[in-house]
Amino acid sequence: MPIKIDGPFYASLGAAAEEAKRLASLGYDGLYTLEGSADPFLPLVLAAEHAPGMDIATGIAVAFPRNPVHLATQAWDLQRFSEGRFLLGIGSQVKAHIEKRFGIAFDPPAARMREYIQALKAIFSCWQDGLPLAYAGRFYRHTLMTPMFNPGPNPFGVPPVLLGALGPRMTEVAGEVADGLIVHPFNNTTFLREQALPAVARGLAHSGRARNTFTLQINAMVITGENDKQRAAARAAVRGLLGFYASTPAYLPPMAAVGYEALQPELNRLSKEGAWEVLGERIDDEFLEAFTTNAHPGDIASALLARYGDIADRLAIYAPYAAPDGMWRDIVQDLKRLQAVA
């Protein structure tokens, strides 16, 4: 099966309809929202209405602050409204945000997430198959579902649950209980092949499932541009983003995989001092090459497929900078054309 290509859906709610149409016109198979300063679900309603035929996904929605019943209801509605094209992407966020921004418990995150997904699937089974709701775990308990609150079977099936994970325990949880893994854009091929994929395999083995039942969505950070000025702007934007990610202790494993573990404490110190503009300056060219696909627009598609083509089921382009629509349209077309002739 060809790799599906997903585009970032960053639009504000007021601009969501036009942005969804734009992404569809560029040839993307799907689009995904991020949970930052806006809700990740609401724009997807407009995307489903104005860009029918595209897959829509949260990539990711933060799970722990939301009760599984709330999240299940939103997913059910979006799956029905999009006619079966919704993917529920969830993640844990990092400890500081869960405890200090949301004000709730975080530890132990992997065990908590395992139960969260099991609870979601128990709720889905209750609604879709008429099974009694009887989930009782350490962190979540759901044992009541009366007819008034039961939406009944979804004509488009149960939405898949994809888990965003980076550490080995959480990645193994994805393989065990989720329907797919969302690979964080802060990745490199050494980390993917030596740590993330083996963790997925352990989880799949534990649940007795085959790899072809599981979706691997890889977020690929891309640096490109049609001229020197555009490429320099792209490099600067990505360098700053890499510095931000690298300052977070939870993101140490991909750095350690390519020998940059010693840089993390310095970047973490700078972030605590509020020196955000300095972080990108600490990202050297070798680091940049390890964590990004960096090429001329005409070479990006072949470079992405060389990097991820044998492992990805979905490829999410991650490019935090402005660039011409025509360039992205050509890149998406190249990705599809190269797969068709392979």
C-alpha atoms as a PDB file:
ATOM      1  CA  MET A   1       0.000   0.000   0.000  1.00  0.00           C
ATOM      2  CA  PRO A   2       1.317   3.490  -0.812  1.00  0.00           C
ATOM      3  CA  ILE A   3       2.244   5.769   2.036  1.00  0.00           C
ATOM      4  CA  LYS A   4      -0.448   8.355   2.762  1.00  0.00           C
ATOM      5  CA  ILE A   5       0.764  11.941   2.946  1.00  0.00           C
ATOM      6  CA  ASP A   6      -0.581  14.230   5.669  1.00  0.00           C
ATOM      7  CA  GLY A   7      -0.339  17.994   5.917  1.00  0.00           C
ATOM      8  CA  PRO A   8      -0.329  20.270   8.982  1.00  0.00           C
ATOM      9  CA  PHE A   9      -3.646  21.973   9.710  1.00  0.00           C
ATOM     10  CA  TYR A  10      -2.664  25.078  11.692  1.00  0.00           C
ATOM     11  CA  ALA A  11      -5.580  27.328  10.794  1.00  0.00           C
ATOM     12  CA  SER A  12      -7.586  29.330  13.284  1.00  0.00           C
ATOM     13  CA  LEU A  13     -11.215  28.319  13.564  1.00  0.00           C
ATOM     14  CA  GLY A  14     -12.350  31.214  11.364  1.00  0.00           C
ATOM     15  CA  ALA A  15      -9.938  30.235   8.597  1.00  0.00           C
ATOM     16  CA  ALA A  16     -10.306  26.462   8.949  1.00  0.00           C
ATOM     17  CA  ALA A  17     -12.685  25.906   6.024  1.00  0.00           C
ATOM     18  CA  GLU A  18     -10.463  27.675   3.497  1.00  0.00           C
ATOM     19  CA  GLU A  19      -7.303  26.104   4.886  1.00  0.00           C
ATOM     20  CA  ALA A  20      -8.796  22.621   4.566  1.00  0.00           C
ATOM     21  CA  LYS A  21      -9.676  23.340   0.939  1.00  0.00           C
ATOM     22  CA  ARG A  22      -6.126  24.588   0.340  1.00  0.00           C
ATOM     23  CA  LEU A  23      -4.542  21.447   1.771  1.00  0.00           C
ATOM     24  CA  ALA A  24      -6.863  19.293  -0.332  1.00  0.00           C
ATOM     25  CA  SER A  25      -5.846  21.241  -3.440  1.00  0.00           C
ATOM     26  CA  LEU A  26      -2.176  20.490  -2.700  1.00  0.00           C
ATOM     27  CA  GLY A  27      -2.884  16.763  -2.938  1.00  0.00           C
ATOM     28  CA  TYR A  28      -2.544  15.721   0.688  1.00  0.00           C
ATOM     29  CA  ASP A  29      -4.400  12.548   1.700  1.00  0.00           C
ATOM     30  CA  GLY A  30      -5.079  13.831   5.187  1.00  0.00           C
ATOM     31  CA  LEU A  31      -4.571  16.678   7.603  1.00  0.00           C
ATOM     32  CA  TYR A  32      -3.777  16.827  11.282  1.00  0.00           C
ATOM     33  CA  THR A  33      -4.229  19.409  14.028  1.00  0.00           C
ATOM     34  CA  LEU A  34      -1.900  20.125  16.922  1.00  0.00           C
ATOM     35  CA  GLU A  35      -3.005  21.010  20.435  1.00  0.00           C
ATOM     36  CA  GLY A  36      -1.271  24.268  21.197  1.00  0.00           C
ATOM     37  CA  SER A  37      -3.124  27.497  21.850  1.00  0.00           C
ATOM     38  CA  ALA A  38      -6.368  26.267  20.263  1.00  0.00           C
ATOM     39  CA  ASP A  39      -8.693  23.285  20.474  1.00  0.00           C
ATOM     40  CA  PRO A  40      -7.608  20.424  18.170  1.00  0.00           C
ATOM     41  CA  PHE A  41     -11.119  19.071  17.513  1.00  0.00           C
ATOM     42  CA  LEU A  42     -13.263  22.006  16.416  1.00  0.00           C
ATOM     43  CA  PRO A  43     -11.349  22.818  13.194  1.00  0.00           C
ATOM     44  CA  LEU A  44     -11.740  19.207  12.085  1.00  0.00           C
ATOM     45  CA  VAL A  45     -15.506  19.638  11.888  1.00  0.00           C
ATOM     46  CA  LEU A  46     -15.012  22.342   9.266  1.00  0.00           C
ATOM     47  CA  ALA A  47     -12.342  20.297   7.511  1.00  0.00           C
ATOM     48  CA  ALA A  48     -14.690  17.332   7.217  1.00  0.00           C
ATOM     49  CA  GLU A  49     -17.401  19.582   5.784  1.00  0.00           C
ATOM     50  CA  HIS A  50     -15.290  21.587   3.333  1.00  0.00           C
ATOM     51  CA  ALA A  51     -12.684  19.014   2.279  1.00  0.00           C
ATOM     52  CA  PRO A  52     -14.663  15.768   2.050  1.00  0.00           C
ATOM     53  CA  GLY A  53     -12.542  12.817   1.113  1.00  0.00           C
ATOM     54  CA  MET A  54      -9.567  13.867   3.215  1.00  0.00           C
ATOM     55  CA  ASP A  55      -8.605  11.956   6.334  1.00  0.00           C
ATOM     56  CA  ILE A  56      -8.750  14.140   9.445  1.00  0.00           C
ATOM     57  CA  ALA A  57      -6.808  13.588  12.650  1.00  0.00           C
ATOM     58  CA  THR A  58      -5.757  15.074  15.936  1.00  0.00           C
ATOM     59  CA  GLY A  59      -2.021  14.857  16.032  1.00  0.00           C
ATOM     60  CA  ILE A  60      -2.190  14.984  19.046  1.00  0.00           C
ATOM     61  CA  ALA A  61      -4.907  15.814  21.569  1.00  0.00           C
ATOM     62  CA  VAL A  62      -3.680  15.729  25.170  1.00  0.00           C
ATOM     63  CA  ALA A  63      -5.382  12.772  26.807  1.00  0.00           C
ATOM     64  CA  PHE A  64      -4.968  12.929  30.571  1.00  0.00           C
ATOM     65  CA  PRO A  65      -6.865  16.201  31.235  1.00  0.00           C
ATOM     66  CA  ARG A  66      -9.862  14.759  29.358  1.00  0.00           C
ATOM     67  CA  ASN A  67     -12.032  11.965  30.682  1.00  0.00           C
ATOM     68  CA  PRO A  68     -12.109   8.944  28.323  1.00  0.00           C
ATOM     69  CA  VAL A  69     -15.899   9.297  27.942  1.00  0.00           C
ATOM     70  CA  HIS A  70     -15.527  12.908  26.793  1.00  0.00           C
ATOM     71  CA  LEU A  71     -12.842  11.967  24.287  1.00  0.00           C
ATOM     72  CA  ALA A  72     -14.786   8.940  23.069  1.00  0.00           C
ATOM     73  CA  THR A  73     -17.841  11.107  22.409  1.00  0.00           C
ATOM     74  CA  GLN A  74     -15.853  13.657  20.381  1.00  0.00           C
ATOM     75  CA  ALA A  75     -14.192  10.891  18.396  1.00  0.00           C
ATOM     76  CA  TRP A  76     -17.534   9.168  17.736  1.00  0.00           C
ATOM     77  CA  ASP A  77     -19.096  12.372  16.440  1.00  0.00           C
ATOM     78  CA  LEU A  78     -16.144  13.189  14.177  1.00  0.00           C
ATOM     79  CA  GLN A  79     -16.010   9.637  12.833  1.00  0.00           C
ATOM     80  CA  ARG A  80     -19.680   9.821  11.934  1.00  0.00           C
ATOM     81  CA  PHE A  81     -19.519  13.347  10.486  1.00  0.00           C
ATOM     82  CA  SER A  82     -16.413  12.610   8.388  1.00  0.00           C
ATOM     83  CA  GLU A  83     -17.937   9.326   7.174  1.00  0.00           C
ATOM     84  CA  GLY A  84     -15.205   7.182   8.649  1.00  0.00           C
ATOM     85  CA  ARG A  85     -12.166   9.346   7.946  1.00  0.00           C
ATOM     86  CA  PHE A  86     -11.254  10.361  11.501  1.00  0.00           C
ATOM     87  CA  LEU A  87      -8.141   9.178  13.343  1.00  0.00           C
ATOM     88  CA  LEU A  88      -7.982   9.921  17.056  1.00  0.00           C
ATOM     89  CA  GLY A  89      -4.397  10.825  17.840  1.00  0.00           C
ATOM     90  CA  ILE A  90      -3.676  11.258  21.549  1.00  0.00           C
ATOM     91  CA  GLY A  91      -0.617  11.781  23.710  1.00  0.00           C
ATOM     92  CA  SER A  92       0.452  12.302  27.281  1.00  0.00           C
ATOM     93  CA  GLN A  93       2.250  15.672  26.985  1.00  0.00           C
ATOM     94  CA  VAL A  94       5.229  16.123  29.325  1.00  0.00           C
ATOM     95  CA  LYS A  95       5.064  15.999  33.105  1.00  0.00           C
ATOM     96  CA  ALA A  96       5.519  19.724  33.752  1.00  0.00           C
ATOM     97  CA  HIS A  97       2.565  20.667  31.548  1.00  0.00           C
ATOM     98  CA  ILE A  98       0.251  18.010  32.947  1.00  0.00           C
ATOM     99  CA  GLU A  99       1.034  18.836  36.568  1.00  0.00           C
ATOM    100  CA  LYS A 100       1.575  22.611  36.327  1.00  0.00           C
ATOM    101  CA  ARG A 101      -0.569  23.743  33.375  1.00  0.00           C
ATOM    102  CA  PHE A 102      -3.452  21.291  33.715  1.00  0.00           C
ATOM    103  CA  GLY A 103      -3.036  20.657  37.441  1.00  0.00           C
ATOM    104  CA  ILE A 104      -3.612  16.895  37.420  1.00  0.00           C
ATOM    105  CA  ALA A 105      -1.637  13.713  38.124  1.00  0.00           C
ATOM    106  CA  PHE A 106       0.879  12.461  35.557  1.00  0.00           C
ATOM    107  CA  ASP A 107       2.780   9.521  37.032  1.00  0.00           C
ATOM    108  CA  PRO A 108       3.085   6.759  36.010  1.00  0.00           C
ATOM    109  CA  PRO A 109       2.424   7.965  32.439  1.00  0.00           C
ATOM    110  CA  ALA A 110       2.827   4.726  30.472  1.00  0.00           C
ATOM    111  CA  ALA A 111       0.642   2.672  32.804  1.00  0.00           C
ATOM    112  CA  ARG A 112      -1.922   5.472  32.920  1.00  0.00           C
ATOM    113  CA  MET A 113      -1.998   5.727  29.116  1.00  0.00           C
ATOM    114  CA  ARG A 114      -2.342   1.978  28.728  1.00  0.00           C
ATOM    115  CA  GLU A 115      -5.500   2.085  30.849  1.00  0.00           C
ATOM    116  CA  TYR A 116      -6.736   5.205  29.084  1.00  0.00           C
ATOM    117  CA  ILE A 117      -6.713   3.495  25.697  1.00  0.00           C
ATOM    118  CA  GLN A 118      -8.216   0.316  27.128  1.00  0.00           C
ATOM    119  CA  ALA A 119     -10.999   2.433  28.646  1.00  0.00           C
ATOM    120  CA  LEU A 120     -11.603   4.189  25.310  1.00  0.00           C
ATOM    121  CA  LYS A 121     -11.885   0.865  23.541  1.00  0.00           C
ATOM    122  CA  ALA A 122     -14.234  -0.509  26.198  1.00  0.00           C
ATOM    123  CA  ILE A 123     -16.498   2.502  25.650  1.00  0.00           C
ATOM    124  CA  PHE A 124     -16.327   2.045  21.878  1.00  0.00           C
ATOM    125  CA  SER A 125     -17.207  -1.648  22.232  1.00  0.00           C
ATOM    126  CA  CYS A 126     -20.171  -0.775  24.415  1.00  0.00           C
ATOM    127  CA  TRP A 127     -21.517   1.632  21.812  1.00  0.00           C
ATOM    128  CA  GLN A 128     -20.665  -0.341  18.690  1.00  0.00           C
ATOM    129  CA  ASP A 129     -21.263  -3.923  19.788  1.00  0.00           C
ATOM    130  CA  GLY A 130     -23.741  -3.530  22.642  1.00  0.00           C
ATOM    131  CA  LEU A 131     -21.350  -4.950  25.216  1.00  0.00           C
ATOM    132  CA  PRO A 132     -21.821  -3.960  28.869  1.00  0.00           C
ATOM    133  CA  LEU A 133     -19.517  -1.155  29.947  1.00  0.00           C
ATOM    134  CA  ALA A 134     -17.355  -2.811  32.561  1.00  0.00           C
ATOM    135  CA  TYR A 135     -13.910  -1.277  32.653  1.00  0.00           C
ATOM    136  CA  ALA A 136     -12.290  -1.084  36.079  1.00  0.00           C
ATOM    137  CA  GLY A 137      -8.615  -0.219  36.308  1.00  0.00           C
ATOM    138  CA  ARG A 138      -6.271   1.516  38.700  1.00  0.00           C
ATOM    139  CA  PHE A 139      -6.717   4.956  37.132  1.00  0.00           C
ATOM    140  CA  TYR A 140     -10.015   4.755  35.229  1.00  0.00           C
ATOM    141  CA  ARG A 141     -13.349   3.170  36.038  1.00  0.00           C
ATOM    142  CA  HIS A 142     -16.320   3.114  33.647  1.00  0.00           C
ATOM    143  CA  THR A 143     -19.202   0.819  34.570  1.00  0.00           C
ATOM    144  CA  LEU A 144     -22.380   2.717  33.652  1.00  0.00           C
ATOM    145  CA  MET A 145     -23.789   3.525  30.219  1.00  0.00           C
ATOM    146  CA  THR A 146     -27.535   4.161  30.121  1.00  0.00           C
ATOM    147  CA  PRO A 147     -29.486   4.457  26.829  1.00  0.00           C
ATOM    148  CA  MET A 148     -29.732   8.254  27.080  1.00  0.00           C
ATOM    149  CA  PHE A 149     -25.936   8.574  26.880  1.00  0.00           C
ATOM    150  CA  ASN A 150     -25.262   5.773  24.413  1.00  0.00           C
ATOM    151  CA  PRO A 151     -24.995   7.054  20.805  1.00  0.00           C
ATOM    152  CA  GLY A 152     -25.363   3.535  19.436  1.00  0.00           C
ATOM    153  CA  PRO A 153     -23.393   1.886  16.625  1.00  0.00           C
ATOM    154  CA  ASN A 154     -21.382   4.096  14.307  1.00  0.00           C
ATOM    155  CA  PRO A 155     -22.245   3.294  10.676  1.00  0.00           C
ATOM    156  CA  PHE A 156     -18.640   4.073   9.710  1.00  0.00           C
ATOM    157  CA  GLY A 157     -17.027   1.854  12.318  1.00  0.00           C
ATOM    158  CA  VAL A 158     -14.926   2.531  15.362  1.00  0.00           C
ATOM    159  CA  PRO A 159     -12.327   5.306  14.951  1.00  0.00           C
ATOM    160  CA  PRO A 160      -8.728   4.133  15.253  1.00  0.00           C
ATOM    161  CA  VAL A 161      -6.692   5.346  18.225  1.00  0.00           C
ATOM    162  CA  LEU A 162      -3.123   6.406  17.472  1.00  0.00           C
ATOM    163  CA  LEU A 163      -0.742   7.174  20.312  1.00  0.00           C
ATOM    164  CA  GLY A 164       1.965   9.789  20.141  1.00  0.00           C
ATOM    165  CA  ALA A 165       4.964   8.378  21.985  1.00  0.00           C
ATOM    166  CA  LEU A 166       8.699   8.897  22.256  1.00  0.00           C
ATOM    167  CA  GLY A 167      10.046   6.971  25.259  1.00  0.00           C
ATOM    168  CA  PRO A 168      10.401   3.170  25.118  1.00  0.00           C
ATOM    169  CA  ARG A 169       7.649   2.361  27.624  1.00  0.00           C
ATOM    170  CA  MET A 170       5.052   4.609  25.995  1.00  0.00           C
ATOM    171  CA  THR A 171       6.016   3.360  22.534  1.00  0.00           C
ATOM    172  CA  GLU A 172       5.577  -0.219  23.708  1.00  0.00           C
ATOM    173  CA  VAL A 173       2.131   0.724  25.046  1.00  0.00           C
ATOM    174  CA  ALA A 174       1.266   1.984  21.563  1.00  0.00           C
ATOM    175  CA  GLY A 175       2.192  -1.371  20.080  1.00  0.00           C
ATOM    176  CA  GLU A 176       0.236  -3.236  22.727  1.00  0.00           C
ATOM    177  CA  VAL A 177      -3.100  -1.405  22.925  1.00  0.00           C
ATOM    178  CA  ALA A 178      -3.284   1.380  20.292  1.00  0.00           C
ATOM    179  CA  ASP A 179      -4.044   1.114  16.586  1.00  0.00           C
ATOM    180  CA  GLY A 180      -0.978   3.069  15.597  1.00  0.00           C
ATOM    181  CA  LEU A 181       1.999   5.150  16.663  1.00  0.00           C
ATOM    182  CA  ILE A 182       2.492   8.841  15.911  1.00  0.00           C
ATOM    183  CA  VAL A 183       6.239   9.412  15.731  1.00  0.00           C
ATOM    184  CA  HIS A 184       7.175  12.830  17.071  1.00  0.00           C
ATOM    185  CA  PRO A 185       8.865  15.157  14.536  1.00  0.00           C
ATOM    186  CA  PHE A 186      11.883  15.237  16.861  1.00  0.00           C
ATOM    187  CA  ASN A 187      13.241  11.984  15.466  1.00  0.00           C
ATOM    188  CA  ASN A 188      16.183  10.530  13.583  1.00  0.00           C
ATOM    189  CA  THR A 189      16.579   7.235  11.759  1.00  0.00           C
ATOM    190  CA  THR A 190      18.993   5.744  14.312  1.00  0.00           C
ATOM    191  CA  PHE A 191      16.488   6.314  17.097  1.00  0.00           C
ATOM    192  CA  LEU A 192      13.603   5.045  14.978  1.00  0.00           C
ATOM    193  CA  ARG A 193      15.222   1.834  13.837  1.00  0.00           C
ATOM    194  CA  GLU A 194      17.153   0.935  16.987  1.00  0.00           C
ATOM    195  CA  GLN A 195      14.681   1.996  19.667  1.00  0.00           C
ATOM    196  CA  ALA A 196      11.184   2.991  18.524  1.00  0.00           C
ATOM    197  CA  LEU A 197      10.478   0.152  16.089  1.00  0.00           C
ATOM    198  CA  PRO A 198      11.741  -2.580  18.458  1.00  0.00           C
ATOM    199  CA  ALA A 199       9.513  -1.117  21.202  1.00  0.00           C
ATOM    200  CA  VAL A 200       6.501  -1.260  18.863  1.00  0.00           C
ATOM    201  CA  ALA A 201       7.386  -4.853  17.997  1.00  0.00           C
ATOM    202  CA  ARG A 202       7.497  -5.804  21.688  1.00  0.00           C
ATOM    203  CA  GLY A 203       4.070  -4.278  22.240  1.00  0.00           C
ATOM    204  CA  LEU A 204       2.580  -5.989  19.203  1.00  0.00           C
ATOM    205  CA  ALA A 205       4.028  -9.322  20.303  1.00  0.00           C
ATOM    206  CA  HIS A 206       2.557  -8.874  23.768  1.00  0.00           C
ATOM    207  CA  SER A 207      -0.924  -8.351  22.306  1.00  0.00           C
ATOM    208  CA  GLY A 208      -0.481 -11.050  19.655  1.00  0.00           C
ATOM    209  CA  ARG A 209      -0.973  -8.667  16.722  1.00  0.00           C
ATOM    210  CA  ALA A 210       0.812  -8.429  13.395  1.00  0.00           C
ATOM    211  CA  ARG A 211       2.584  -5.311  12.133  1.00  0.00           C
ATOM    212  CA  ASN A 212       0.131  -4.982   9.213  1.00  0.00           C
ATOM    213  CA  THR A 213      -2.680  -4.298  11.712  1.00  0.00           C
ATOM    214  CA  PHE A 214      -0.849  -1.239  13.013  1.00  0.00           C
ATOM    215  CA  THR A 215      -0.384   2.247  11.522  1.00  0.00           C
ATOM    216  CA  LEU A 216       2.981   3.981  11.781  1.00  0.00           C
ATOM    217  CA  GLN A 217       2.626   7.707  11.153  1.00  0.00           C
ATOM    218  CA  ILE A 218       5.975   9.479  11.014  1.00  0.00           C
ATOM    219  CA  ASN A 219       6.211  13.232  11.363  1.00  0.00           C
ATOM    220  CA  ALA A 220       9.056  14.347   9.121  1.00  0.00           C
ATOM    221  CA  MET A 221      10.694  17.712   9.713  1.00  0.00           C
ATOM    222  CA  VAL A 222      11.533  19.174   6.303  1.00  0.00           C
ATOM    223  CA  ILE A 223      13.897  21.981   5.321  1.00  0.00           C
ATOM    224  CA  THR A 224      13.521  23.253   1.770  1.00  0.00           C
ATOM    225  CA  GLY A 225      12.849  26.316  -0.333  1.00  0.00           C
ATOM    226  CA  GLU A 226      12.891  27.485  -3.916  1.00  0.00           C
ATOM    227  CA  ASN A 227      15.796  29.893  -3.445  1.00  0.00           C
ATOM    228  CA  ASP A 228      18.592  30.699  -1.004  1.00  0.00           C
ATOM    229  CA  LYS A 229      16.480  33.171   0.959  1.00  0.00           C
ATOM    230  CA  GLN A 230      13.643  30.677   1.476  1.00  0.00           C
ATOM    231  CA  ARG A 231      16.016  27.881   2.448  1.00  0.00           C
ATOM    232  CA  ALA A 232      17.829  30.116   4.946  1.00  0.00           C
ATOM    233  CA  ALA A 233      14.501  31.086   6.542  1.00  0.00           C
ATOM    234  CA  ALA A 234      13.475  27.426   6.703  1.00  0.00           C
ATOM    235  CA  ARG A 235      16.770  26.442   8.339  1.00  0.00           C
ATOM    236  CA  ALA A 236      16.471  29.200  10.921  1.00  0.00           C
ATOM    237  CA  ALA A 237      12.889  28.263  11.813  1.00  0.00           C
ATOM    238  CA  VAL A 238      13.667  24.558  12.112  1.00  0.00           C
ATOM    239  CA  ARG A 239      16.882  25.196  14.043  1.00  0.00           C
ATOM    240  CA  GLY A 240      14.931  27.181  16.611  1.00  0.00           C
ATOM    241  CA  LEU A 241      12.257  24.484  16.876  1.00  0.00           C
ATOM    242  CA  LEU A 242      14.866  21.754  17.320  1.00  0.00           C
ATOM    243  CA  GLY A 243      16.478  23.792  20.080  1.00  0.00           C
ATOM    244  CA  PHE A 244      13.127  24.115  21.817  1.00  0.00           C
ATOM    245  CA  TYR A 245      12.430  20.388  21.604  1.00  0.00           C
ATOM    246  CA  ALA A 246      15.962  19.483  22.667  1.00  0.00           C
ATOM    247  CA  SER A 247      15.633  21.569  25.850  1.00  0.00           C
ATOM    248  CA  THR A 248      12.966  19.175  27.177  1.00  0.00           C
ATOM    249  CA  PRO A 249      14.336  16.297  29.315  1.00  0.00           C
ATOM    250  CA  ALA A 250      11.685  13.891  28.010  1.00  0.00           C
ATOM    251  CA  TYR A 251      13.123  14.292  24.507  1.00  0.00           C
ATOM    252  CA  LEU A 252      16.592  13.062  25.461  1.00  0.00           C
ATOM    253  CA  PRO A 253      16.373   9.550  23.861  1.00  0.00           C
ATOM    254  CA  PRO A 254      16.548  10.688  20.196  1.00  0.00           C
ATOM    255  CA  MET A 255      19.455  12.994  21.088  1.00  0.00           C
ATOM    256  CA  ALA A 256      21.324  10.210  22.862  1.00  0.00           C
ATOM    257  CA  ALA A 257      20.819   7.939  19.853  1.00  0.00           C
ATOM    258  CA  VAL A 258      23.045  10.220  17.766  1.00  0.00           C
ATOM    259  CA  GLY A 259      25.502  11.266  20.469  1.00  0.00           C
ATOM    260  CA  TYR A 260      24.039  14.614  21.555  1.00  0.00           C
ATOM    261  CA  GLU A 261      22.957  13.716  25.088  1.00  0.00           C
ATOM    262  CA  ALA A 262      25.494  16.119  26.636  1.00  0.00           C
ATOM    263  CA  LEU A 263      23.788  19.083  24.954  1.00  0.00           C
ATOM    264  CA  GLN A 264      20.444  18.560  26.654  1.00  0.00           C
ATOM    265  CA  PRO A 265      21.308  19.885  30.169  1.00  0.00           C
ATOM    266  CA  GLU A 266      22.678  23.117  28.696  1.00  0.00           C
ATOM    267  CA  LEU A 267      19.567  23.691  26.598  1.00  0.00           C
ATOM    268  CA  ASN A 268      17.327  22.862  29.538  1.00  0.00           C
ATOM    269  CA  ARG A 269      19.193  25.434  31.660  1.00  0.00           C
ATOM    270  CA  LEU A 270      18.784  28.081  28.956  1.00  0.00           C
ATOM    271  CA  SER A 271      15.049  27.366  28.698  1.00  0.00           C
ATOM    272  CA  LYS A 272      14.645  27.821  32.463  1.00  0.00           C
ATOM    273  CA  GLU A 273      16.462  31.151  32.158  1.00  0.00           C
ATOM    274  CA  GLY A 274      14.013  32.193  29.449  1.00  0.00           C
ATOM    275  CA  ALA A 275      16.748  32.399  26.812  1.00  0.00           C
ATOM    276  CA  TRP A 276      14.509  30.924  24.123  1.00  0.00           C
ATOM    277  CA  GLU A 277      16.156  32.811  21.277  1.00  0.00           C
ATOM    278  CA  VAL A 278      19.532  31.238  22.118  1.00  0.00           C
ATOM    279  CA  LEU A 279      18.402  27.603  21.901  1.00  0.00           C
ATOM    280  CA  GLY A 280      18.561  27.403  18.117  1.00  0.00           C
ATOM    281  CA  GLU A 281      22.104  28.742  18.106  1.00  0.00           C
ATOM    282  CA  ARG A 282      23.237  25.592  19.911  1.00  0.00           C
ATOM    283  CA  ILE A 283      21.951  23.319  17.120  1.00  0.00           C
ATOM    284  CA  ASP A 284      24.865  22.629  14.787  1.00  0.00           C
ATOM    285  CA  ASP A 285      24.694  21.405  11.188  1.00  0.00           C
ATOM    286  CA  GLU A 286      25.278  17.764  12.115  1.00  0.00           C
ATOM    287  CA  PHE A 287      22.364  17.860  14.552  1.00  0.00           C
ATOM    288  CA  LEU A 288      20.238  19.548  11.885  1.00  0.00           C
ATOM    289  CA  GLU A 289      21.016  16.859   9.312  1.00  0.00           C
ATOM    290  CA  ALA A 290      20.261  14.028  11.754  1.00  0.00           C
ATOM    291  CA  PHE A 291      16.804  15.324  12.657  1.00  0.00           C
ATOM    292  CA  THR A 292      15.577  16.741   9.342  1.00  0.00           C
ATOM    293  CA  THR A 293      15.164  15.986   5.667  1.00  0.00           C
ATOM    294  CA  ASN A 294      17.063  18.856   4.082  1.00  0.00           C
ATOM    295  CA  ALA A 295      17.126  19.173   0.277  1.00  0.00           C
ATOM    296  CA  HIS A 296      16.117  21.156  -2.790  1.00  0.00           C
ATOM    297  CA  PRO A 297      12.335  20.909  -3.419  1.00  0.00           C
ATOM    298  CA  GLY A 298      12.908  18.623  -6.393  1.00  0.00           C
ATOM    299  CA  ASP A 299      14.841  16.181  -4.214  1.00  0.00           C
ATOM    300  CA  ILE A 300      12.709  16.239  -1.064  1.00  0.00           C
ATOM    301  CA  ALA A 301      10.350  13.421  -2.075  1.00  0.00           C
ATOM    302  CA  SER A 302      13.133  10.970  -2.919  1.00  0.00           C
ATOM    303  CA  ALA A 303      14.999  11.962   0.259  1.00  0.00           C
ATOM    304  CA  LEU A 304      11.907  11.383   2.407  1.00  0.00           C
ATOM    305  CA  LEU A 305      11.243   7.995   0.840  1.00  0.00           C
ATOM    306  CA  ALA A 306      14.896   6.984   1.265  1.00  0.00           C
ATOM    307  CA  ARG A 307      14.653   7.910   4.931  1.00  0.00           C
ATOM    308  CA  TYR A 308      11.223   6.566   5.854  1.00  0.00           C
ATOM    309  CA  GLY A 309       9.791   4.716   2.847  1.00  0.00           C
ATOM    310  CA  ASP A 310      10.284   1.189   4.152  1.00  0.00           C
ATOM    311  CA  ILE A 311       8.706   1.814   7.559  1.00  0.00           C
ATOM    312  CA  ALA A 312       6.031   4.556   7.305  1.00  0.00           C
ATOM    313  CA  ASP A 313       2.337   3.953   6.630  1.00  0.00           C
ATOM    314  CA  ARG A 314       1.572   7.652   6.843  1.00  0.00           C
ATOM    315  CA  LEU A 315       4.055  10.498   6.386  1.00  0.00           C
ATOM    316  CA  ALA A 316       3.204  13.820   8.011  1.00  0.00           C
ATOM    317  CA  ILE A 317       5.083  16.799   6.601  1.00  0.00           C
ATOM    318  CA  TYR A 318       6.243  19.130   9.393  1.00  0.00           C
ATOM    319  CA  ALA A 319       7.522  22.478   8.105  1.00  0.00           C
ATOM    320  CA  PRO A 320       7.102  25.441  10.513  1.00  0.00           C
ATOM    321  CA  TYR A 321       7.743  28.209   7.992  1.00  0.00           C
ATOM    322  CA  ALA A 322       6.097  29.933   5.044  1.00  0.00           C
ATOM    323  CA  ALA A 323       6.646  28.483   1.577  1.00  0.00           C
ATOM    324  CA  PRO A 324       4.803  28.648  -1.775  1.00  0.00           C
ATOM    325  CA  ASP A 325       1.830  26.344  -2.285  1.00  0.00           C
ATOM    326  CA  GLY A 326       3.152  25.296  -5.673  1.00  0.00           C
ATOM    327  CA  MET A 327       6.304  23.941  -4.081  1.00  0.00           C
ATOM    328  CA  TRP A 328       4.373  21.738  -1.644  1.00  0.00           C
ATOM    329  CA  ARG A 329       2.017  20.590  -4.410  1.00  0.00           C
ATOM    330  CA  ASP A 330       4.996  19.441  -6.453  1.00  0.00           C
ATOM    331  CA  ILE A 331       6.546  17.653  -3.468  1.00  0.00           C
ATOM    332  CA  VAL A 332       3.321  15.790  -2.662  1.00  0.00           C
ATOM    333  CA  GLN A 333       2.924  14.833  -6.322  1.00  0.00           C
ATOM    334  CA  ASP A 334       6.537  13.632  -6.413  1.00  0.00           C
ATOM    335  CA  LEU A 335       5.943  11.472  -3.336  1.00  0.00           C
ATOM    336  CA  LYS A 336       2.970   9.812  -4.993  1.00  0.00           C
ATOM    337  CA  ARG A 337       4.623   9.466  -8.385  1.00  0.00           C
ATOM    338  CA  LEU A 338       7.791   7.865  -6.989  1.00  0.00           C
ATOM    339  CA  GLN A 339       5.737   5.338  -5.038  1.00  0.00           C
ATOM    340  CA  ALA A 340       3.624   4.509  -8.080  1.00  0.00           C
ATOM    341  CA  VAL A 341       6.661   3.617 -10.172  1.00  0.00           C
ATOM    342  CA  ALA A 342       8.561   1.818  -7.414  1.00  0.00           C
END
